[in-house]
Amino acid sequence: MNETREKVLLHTATIPDREKRLLSGRTVLVILFAALVTAVLISFCLGRYPVGLNELQGILRYWLGLYHGKPFWTQTQAIAVWNVRMPRVLLSVLVGAALASAGAAFQGAFQNPMASPDILGASAGAGFGAALAIFFGFGTAMVTASAFFVSMITVGLVFFISRFVKGEKIIGLILSGIMISSLFQAGTSFIKLAADPGNKLPAITYWLMGSLVGATRSEVGFVIWPILLGFIPLMILRWRINVVTMGDDAARTMGVDPGRVRFASIASATLLTAASVSVSGMIGWVGLVVPHMMRRLVGSDHRYLIPASALGGGLFLLVVDDLSRVLWLNEIPIGIMTAFIGAPFFLMLITRRNLT
């Protein structure tokens, strides 16, 4: 086992970009973590009701039972931080981290720099499930649950159909994902066509644009467990993903089953995607752009790339969400914001350097 790890490390160390990096992977992770913590604290202070850092630390200490004096903050500030900003900040970090780490895992498992979290139809299935729940008049909790479970069913259907595809299994899986995604997108379009244009259609359209408005603690509690269940296996498998990127034959000679590693990685990344989209709606570009940004910082070694993508994704989506709720009186859906920011940035990446 130790010999296998040494071979993998030797392989990743031969990547030319790695020799030119000024900072080590661990240093980058520490910097990203510090930046994320700072952004979280600043995000608590932003909003229609201003909350200073002094008031914020007092409110947090009060909740933790560390402050027993007279409150020097207003009740409005406490409600704004606890009931409005806390769930939204936590949800944006969780969703961004999940989508970005899922994107890094998909790109490694498929050995394709253009792979993204919606490649197997998870997003299309979630959109259909949410639209169906909204059409029948269910509440927010049922919309979230419907989006999550239909998303998982969609990906299961993709895996089932791909078993009957002749030829390369990975290509068959991708083609099955494209086909199933198209079917569920058509189903969503049909629901929008049949929905009440005065009430349900706007709700469906807004959900599909992606937004964290109205985030609640119950949504955070719902999504955190599947995100952990998907993220922990990726952290365990991240050095084996390095082996898989060397090619199936090389992986087998080193004692690693590429099929099992690829399946486990895809399943974990799919769970991350389904959980994220179920509470945030359709948010694109995070799972495609952020892993490439992190690859510029830590290289292609998944031991650092996956945790860096999680930290970078959480930071990216948190900053974008802050901009969406601060810059304009009426919030722009975060899915639109990520496209406005992510698309030009990705264009810059692909024109300045190769993606591989």
Protein backbone atom coordinates (compact mmCIF):
# COMPACT_ATOMS: atom_id res chain seq x y z
CA MET A 1 0.00 0.00 0.00
CA ASN A 2 2.81 2.42 0.91
CA GLU A 3 4.57 1.58 -2.36
CA THR A 4 1.39 2.40 -4.27
CA ARG A 5 1.07 5.75 -2.52
CA GLU A 6 4.70 6.55 -3.36
CA LYS A 7 4.06 5.82 -7.05
CA VAL A 8 1.02 8.08 -7.05
CA LEU A 9 2.92 10.89 -5.36
CA LEU A 10 5.76 10.45 -7.85
CA HIS A 11 3.25 10.68 -10.71
CA THR A 12 1.62 13.85 -9.41
CA ALA A 13 4.97 15.42 -8.64
CA THR A 14 6.04 15.13 -12.28
CA ILE A 15 3.35 17.57 -13.41
CA PRO A 16 5.28 20.63 -14.68
CA ASP A 17 2.94 23.18 -13.11
CA ARG A 18 3.60 21.78 -9.65
CA GLU A 19 7.26 22.78 -9.75
CA LYS A 20 6.35 26.42 -10.44
CA ARG A 21 3.93 26.90 -7.55
CA LEU A 22 4.96 29.44 -4.96
CA LEU A 23 2.75 28.01 -2.21
CA SER A 24 2.29 24.43 -1.10
CA GLY A 25 -1.10 22.76 -1.18
CA ARG A 26 -1.42 22.86 2.60
CA THR A 27 -0.61 26.56 2.68
CA VAL A 28 -3.28 27.27 0.08
CA LEU A 29 -5.83 25.30 2.11
CA VAL A 30 -5.02 27.34 5.23
CA ILE A 31 -5.36 30.60 3.30
CA LEU A 32 -8.67 29.51 1.76
CA PHE A 33 -10.02 28.48 5.17
CA ALA A 34 -9.04 31.82 6.70
CA ALA A 35 -10.62 33.68 3.77
CA LEU A 36 -13.83 31.67 4.14
CA VAL A 37 -14.10 32.35 7.88
CA THR A 38 -13.51 36.07 7.25
CA ALA A 39 -16.13 36.14 4.49
CA VAL A 40 -18.65 34.41 6.77
CA LEU A 41 -18.17 37.00 9.51
CA ILE A 42 -18.48 39.87 7.03
CA SER A 43 -21.60 38.30 5.50
CA PHE A 44 -23.33 38.36 8.90
CA CYS A 45 -22.83 42.13 8.95
CA LEU A 46 -24.18 42.82 5.46
CA GLY A 47 -27.83 43.53 4.75
CA ARG A 48 -30.65 46.02 5.04
CA TYR A 49 -30.22 46.17 8.82
CA PRO A 50 -26.53 46.91 9.50
CA VAL A 51 -24.79 44.86 12.18
CA GLY A 52 -21.31 45.87 13.30
CA LEU A 53 -18.59 43.39 14.16
CA ASN A 54 -18.86 44.38 17.83
CA GLU A 55 -22.60 43.66 17.87
CA LEU A 56 -22.04 40.45 15.94
CA GLN A 57 -19.52 39.06 18.40
CA GLY A 58 -21.84 40.00 21.24
CA ILE A 59 -24.78 38.20 19.64
CA LEU A 60 -22.68 35.11 18.93
CA ARG A 61 -21.26 35.05 22.46
CA TYR A 62 -24.77 35.44 23.87
CA TRP A 63 -26.02 32.41 21.90
CA LEU A 64 -23.02 30.39 23.00
CA GLY A 65 -23.69 31.24 26.63
CA LEU A 66 -20.44 33.21 26.96
CA TYR A 67 -22.03 36.62 27.50
CA HIS A 68 -24.24 37.36 30.52
CA GLY A 69 -24.32 41.16 30.54
CA LYS A 70 -26.92 43.54 29.21
CA PRO A 71 -27.40 43.31 25.41
CA PHE A 72 -25.91 46.28 23.54
CA TRP A 73 -27.55 45.24 20.27
CA THR A 74 -31.13 45.65 19.14
CA GLN A 75 -33.68 42.86 18.87
CA THR A 76 -33.93 43.56 15.14
CA GLN A 77 -30.19 42.96 14.71
CA ALA A 78 -30.39 39.70 16.65
CA ILE A 79 -33.33 38.46 14.57
CA ALA A 80 -31.61 39.50 11.32
CA VAL A 81 -28.44 37.58 12.21
CA TRP A 82 -30.02 34.46 13.67
CA ASN A 83 -33.20 33.94 11.63
CA VAL A 84 -32.23 35.45 8.27
CA ARG A 85 -28.48 35.64 7.71
CA MET A 86 -27.25 32.60 9.63
CA PRO A 87 -29.24 30.02 7.59
CA ARG A 88 -28.50 31.80 4.33
CA VAL A 89 -24.77 32.11 4.97
CA LEU A 90 -24.45 28.49 6.07
CA LEU A 91 -26.51 27.27 3.14
CA SER A 92 -24.48 29.23 0.60
CA VAL A 93 -21.23 27.80 2.01
CA LEU A 94 -22.58 24.24 2.06
CA VAL A 95 -24.05 24.42 -1.46
CA GLY A 96 -20.95 26.07 -2.93
CA ALA A 97 -18.63 23.56 -1.26
CA ALA A 98 -20.76 20.61 -2.39
CA LEU A 99 -21.08 21.72 -6.01
CA ALA A 100 -17.39 22.58 -6.38
CA SER A 101 -16.10 19.36 -4.79
CA ALA A 102 -18.59 17.37 -6.87
CA GLY A 103 -17.29 19.09 -10.00
CA ALA A 104 -13.70 18.24 -9.10
CA ALA A 105 -14.68 14.61 -8.50
CA PHE A 106 -16.56 14.35 -11.80
CA GLN A 107 -13.66 15.87 -13.72
CA GLY A 108 -11.27 13.40 -12.14
CA ALA A 109 -13.52 10.35 -12.50
CA PHE A 110 -14.38 11.06 -16.14
CA GLN A 111 -10.90 12.46 -16.90
CA ASN A 112 -12.71 15.29 -18.64
CA PRO A 113 -12.06 18.95 -17.72
CA MET A 114 -15.51 19.92 -19.01
CA ALA A 115 -17.40 17.58 -16.68
CA SER A 116 -19.76 19.34 -14.26
CA PRO A 117 -22.17 18.27 -11.48
CA ASP A 118 -25.17 18.16 -13.82
CA ILE A 119 -23.55 15.77 -16.30
CA LEU A 120 -25.64 12.78 -15.16
CA GLY A 121 -28.97 14.60 -14.98
CA ALA A 122 -29.08 15.33 -11.25
CA SER A 123 -29.96 18.98 -11.80
CA ALA A 124 -32.56 18.21 -14.46
CA GLY A 125 -34.20 15.65 -12.18
CA ALA A 126 -34.21 18.07 -9.25
CA GLY A 127 -35.79 20.73 -11.42
CA PHE A 128 -38.53 18.36 -12.52
CA GLY A 129 -39.19 17.20 -8.95
CA ALA A 130 -39.41 20.76 -7.65
CA ALA A 131 -41.63 21.90 -10.52
CA LEU A 132 -43.95 18.94 -9.93
CA ALA A 133 -44.25 19.72 -6.22
CA ILE A 134 -44.92 23.41 -6.87
CA PHE A 135 -47.50 22.51 -9.53
CA PHE A 136 -49.47 20.43 -7.01
CA GLY A 137 -49.27 23.19 -4.41
CA PHE A 138 -46.96 21.57 -1.85
CA GLY A 139 -45.02 23.61 0.68
CA THR A 140 -41.33 24.43 0.76
CA ALA A 141 -40.32 21.29 2.65
CA MET A 142 -42.07 19.02 0.15
CA VAL A 143 -40.57 20.95 -2.77
CA THR A 144 -37.09 20.38 -1.34
CA ALA A 145 -37.73 16.70 -0.63
CA SER A 146 -39.26 16.13 -4.06
CA ALA A 147 -36.32 17.80 -5.79
CA PHE A 148 -33.83 15.67 -3.85
CA PHE A 149 -35.49 12.28 -4.32
CA VAL A 150 -36.39 12.79 -7.98
CA SER A 151 -32.79 13.88 -8.59
CA MET A 152 -31.49 10.64 -7.06
CA ILE A 153 -34.04 8.61 -9.04
CA THR A 154 -32.91 10.34 -12.22
CA VAL A 155 -29.26 9.42 -11.72
CA GLY A 156 -30.24 5.86 -10.79
CA LEU A 157 -32.13 5.66 -14.08
CA VAL A 158 -29.06 6.93 -15.91
CA PHE A 159 -26.90 4.19 -14.36
CA PHE A 160 -29.51 1.56 -15.19
CA ILE A 161 -29.77 2.57 -18.86
CA SER A 162 -26.00 2.87 -19.25
CA ARG A 163 -25.65 -0.85 -18.46
CA PHE A 164 -27.28 -1.67 -21.80
CA VAL A 165 -25.14 0.72 -23.85
CA LYS A 166 -22.62 -1.02 -26.07
CA GLY A 167 -19.01 0.06 -26.07
CA GLU A 168 -17.12 2.24 -23.61
CA LYS A 169 -18.92 2.39 -20.26
CA ILE A 170 -17.97 5.98 -19.45
CA ILE A 171 -19.18 7.22 -22.83
CA GLY A 172 -22.38 5.25 -22.36
CA LEU A 173 -22.90 6.80 -18.94
CA ILE A 174 -22.45 10.32 -20.30
CA LEU A 175 -24.75 9.72 -23.27
CA SER A 176 -27.38 8.23 -20.97
CA GLY A 177 -27.11 11.30 -18.77
CA ILE A 178 -27.62 13.61 -21.73
CA MET A 179 -30.66 11.67 -22.88
CA ILE A 180 -32.33 11.43 -19.46
CA SER A 181 -31.58 15.11 -18.79
CA SER A 182 -33.35 16.06 -22.00
CA LEU A 183 -36.41 14.00 -21.05
CA PHE A 184 -36.70 15.56 -17.60
CA GLN A 185 -36.11 19.05 -18.97
CA ALA A 186 -38.94 18.42 -21.42
CA GLY A 187 -41.10 17.25 -18.50
CA THR A 188 -40.31 20.46 -16.62
CA SER A 189 -41.21 22.53 -19.69
CA PHE A 190 -44.55 20.70 -19.94
CA ILE A 191 -45.30 21.42 -16.28
CA LYS A 192 -44.51 25.10 -16.85
CA LEU A 193 -46.85 25.07 -19.84
CA ALA A 194 -49.68 23.61 -17.76
CA ALA A 195 -49.03 25.68 -14.62
CA ASP A 196 -51.18 28.61 -13.55
CA PRO A 197 -49.45 31.66 -15.12
CA GLY A 198 -50.55 33.94 -12.30
CA ASN A 199 -49.15 31.97 -9.38
CA LYS A 200 -47.42 28.65 -9.91
CA LEU A 201 -45.53 29.45 -13.13
CA PRO A 202 -43.60 32.38 -11.57
CA ALA A 203 -42.73 30.19 -8.56
CA ILE A 204 -41.42 27.40 -10.80
CA THR A 205 -39.46 29.82 -12.97
CA TYR A 206 -37.90 31.53 -9.96
CA TRP A 207 -36.90 28.20 -8.39
CA LEU A 208 -35.24 27.10 -11.62
CA MET A 209 -33.17 30.31 -11.68
CA GLY A 210 -31.56 29.36 -8.37
CA SER A 211 -31.85 31.38 -5.19
CA LEU A 212 -31.05 31.25 -1.49
CA VAL A 213 -33.74 33.77 -0.53
CA GLY A 214 -35.78 32.56 2.42
CA ALA A 215 -33.23 30.00 3.55
CA THR A 216 -34.20 28.39 6.85
CA ARG A 217 -32.47 26.40 9.56
CA SER A 218 -34.59 23.39 8.66
CA GLU A 219 -33.16 23.46 5.13
CA VAL A 220 -29.65 23.58 6.56
CA GLY A 221 -30.49 20.62 8.78
CA PHE A 222 -31.96 18.73 5.84
CA VAL A 223 -29.04 19.22 3.48
CA ILE A 224 -26.04 18.94 5.79
CA TRP A 225 -26.28 15.16 6.28
CA PRO A 226 -26.36 14.09 2.61
CA ILE A 227 -23.59 16.60 1.90
CA LEU A 228 -21.43 15.05 4.61
CA LEU A 229 -22.37 11.57 3.39
CA GLY A 230 -21.18 12.51 -0.10
CA PHE A 231 -18.12 14.54 0.87
CA ILE A 232 -16.46 12.16 3.35
CA PRO A 233 -16.04 9.30 0.80
CA LEU A 234 -14.47 11.74 -1.66
CA MET A 235 -11.96 12.77 0.97
CA ILE A 236 -11.17 9.11 1.64
CA LEU A 237 -10.87 8.26 -2.06
CA ARG A 238 -9.03 11.35 -3.23
CA TRP A 239 -5.61 9.70 -3.56
CA ARG A 240 -7.18 6.77 -5.44
CA ILE A 241 -8.72 9.25 -7.87
CA ASN A 242 -5.13 10.30 -8.59
CA VAL A 243 -4.42 6.68 -9.54
CA VAL A 244 -7.46 6.51 -11.82
CA THR A 245 -6.30 9.60 -13.71
CA MET A 246 -3.17 7.67 -14.67
CA GLY A 247 -5.29 5.29 -16.76
CA ASP A 248 -7.17 2.09 -16.01
CA ASP A 249 -4.30 -0.25 -16.89
CA ALA A 250 -1.84 1.65 -14.69
CA ALA A 251 -4.39 1.73 -11.87
CA ARG A 252 -4.89 -2.05 -12.00
CA THR A 253 -1.15 -2.70 -11.91
CA MET A 254 -1.03 -0.62 -8.72
CA GLY A 255 -3.80 -2.63 -7.06
CA VAL A 256 -6.62 -0.14 -7.52
CA ASP A 257 -9.91 -1.11 -9.15
CA PRO A 258 -10.70 1.90 -11.40
CA GLY A 259 -14.31 0.84 -11.90
CA ARG A 260 -15.09 0.78 -8.18
CA VAL A 261 -13.25 4.02 -7.50
CA ARG A 262 -15.01 5.73 -10.39
CA PHE A 263 -18.43 4.43 -9.30
CA ALA A 264 -17.91 5.50 -5.68
CA SER A 265 -16.68 8.93 -6.76
CA ILE A 266 -19.60 9.47 -9.13
CA ALA A 267 -22.14 8.25 -6.56
CA SER A 268 -20.73 10.56 -3.87
CA ALA A 269 -20.57 13.54 -6.23
CA THR A 270 -24.14 12.86 -7.36
CA LEU A 271 -25.35 12.86 -3.76
CA LEU A 272 -23.63 16.21 -3.22
CA THR A 273 -25.26 17.62 -6.35
CA ALA A 274 -28.74 16.35 -5.55
CA ALA A 275 -28.61 17.69 -1.99
CA SER A 276 -27.37 21.10 -3.14
CA VAL A 277 -29.81 21.63 -5.97
CA SER A 278 -32.75 20.53 -3.83
CA VAL A 279 -32.36 23.55 -1.54
CA SER A 280 -30.87 26.16 -3.87
CA GLY A 281 -32.41 25.52 -7.27
CA MET A 282 -30.39 25.45 -10.46
CA ILE A 283 -27.02 27.11 -9.79
CA GLY A 284 -24.58 26.61 -12.63
CA TRP A 285 -20.88 27.24 -13.22
CA VAL A 286 -19.77 26.69 -9.61
CA GLY A 287 -18.93 23.03 -10.19
CA LEU A 288 -17.17 23.82 -13.48
CA VAL A 289 -15.28 27.03 -12.78
CA VAL A 290 -14.15 26.65 -9.16
CA PRO A 291 -12.25 23.33 -9.62
CA HIS A 292 -10.30 24.93 -12.47
CA MET A 293 -9.55 27.96 -10.31
CA MET A 294 -8.30 25.69 -7.52
CA ARG A 295 -6.29 23.59 -9.96
CA ARG A 296 -4.30 26.73 -10.77
CA LEU A 297 -3.49 27.07 -7.08
CA VAL A 298 -2.87 23.50 -5.87
CA GLY A 299 -2.39 21.51 -9.08
CA SER A 300 -4.12 18.31 -10.15
CA ASP A 301 -3.37 16.32 -7.00
CA HIS A 302 -6.82 15.44 -5.67
CA ARG A 303 -5.50 15.17 -2.13
CA TYR A 304 -5.49 18.96 -2.18
CA LEU A 305 -7.79 19.70 -5.12
CA ILE A 306 -10.99 18.30 -3.56
CA PRO A 307 -10.70 20.09 -0.18
CA ALA A 308 -9.51 23.25 -1.95
CA SER A 309 -12.51 23.08 -4.27
CA ALA A 310 -14.83 22.70 -1.27
CA LEU A 311 -13.35 25.74 0.47
CA GLY A 312 -13.14 27.76 -2.74
CA GLY A 313 -16.67 26.82 -3.75
CA GLY A 314 -18.09 27.87 -0.41
CA LEU A 315 -16.19 31.15 -0.58
CA PHE A 316 -17.19 31.81 -4.19
CA LEU A 317 -20.91 31.22 -3.70
CA LEU A 318 -20.97 33.15 -0.42
CA VAL A 319 -19.40 36.21 -2.06
CA VAL A 320 -21.73 35.98 -5.06
CA ASP A 321 -24.76 35.68 -2.77
CA ASP A 322 -23.58 38.70 -0.77
CA LEU A 323 -23.32 40.71 -3.98
CA SER A 324 -26.78 39.60 -5.11
CA ARG A 325 -28.44 40.82 -1.90
CA VAL A 326 -26.41 44.00 -1.36
CA LEU A 327 -25.85 45.61 -4.75
CA TRP A 328 -29.50 45.82 -5.82
CA LEU A 329 -32.74 46.62 -4.06
CA ASN A 330 -34.43 43.64 -5.72
CA GLU A 331 -32.23 40.57 -5.51
CA ILE A 332 -31.01 38.93 -8.69
CA PRO A 333 -31.32 35.12 -8.50
CA ILE A 334 -27.95 33.67 -7.63
CA GLY A 335 -28.04 31.31 -10.60
CA ILE A 336 -27.97 34.33 -12.90
CA MET A 337 -25.16 35.92 -10.89
CA THR A 338 -22.95 32.83 -11.06
CA ALA A 339 -23.44 32.74 -14.84
CA PHE A 340 -22.55 36.44 -15.20
CA ILE A 341 -19.39 35.96 -13.16
CA GLY A 342 -18.46 32.36 -14.00
CA ALA A 343 -18.79 32.42 -17.79
CA PRO A 344 -16.35 35.32 -18.45
CA PHE A 345 -13.92 33.95 -15.87
CA PHE A 346 -14.01 30.50 -17.45
CA LEU A 347 -13.45 32.09 -20.86
CA MET A 348 -10.36 33.77 -19.48
CA LEU A 349 -9.11 30.45 -18.11
CA ILE A 350 -9.49 28.52 -21.34
CA THR A 351 -7.95 31.26 -23.47
CA ARG A 352 -4.93 31.86 -21.23
CA ARG A 353 -3.98 28.23 -20.53
CA ASN A 354 -4.92 24.66 -21.35
CA LEU A 355 -7.48 23.05 -19.06
CA THR A 356 -5.46 19.89 -18.58
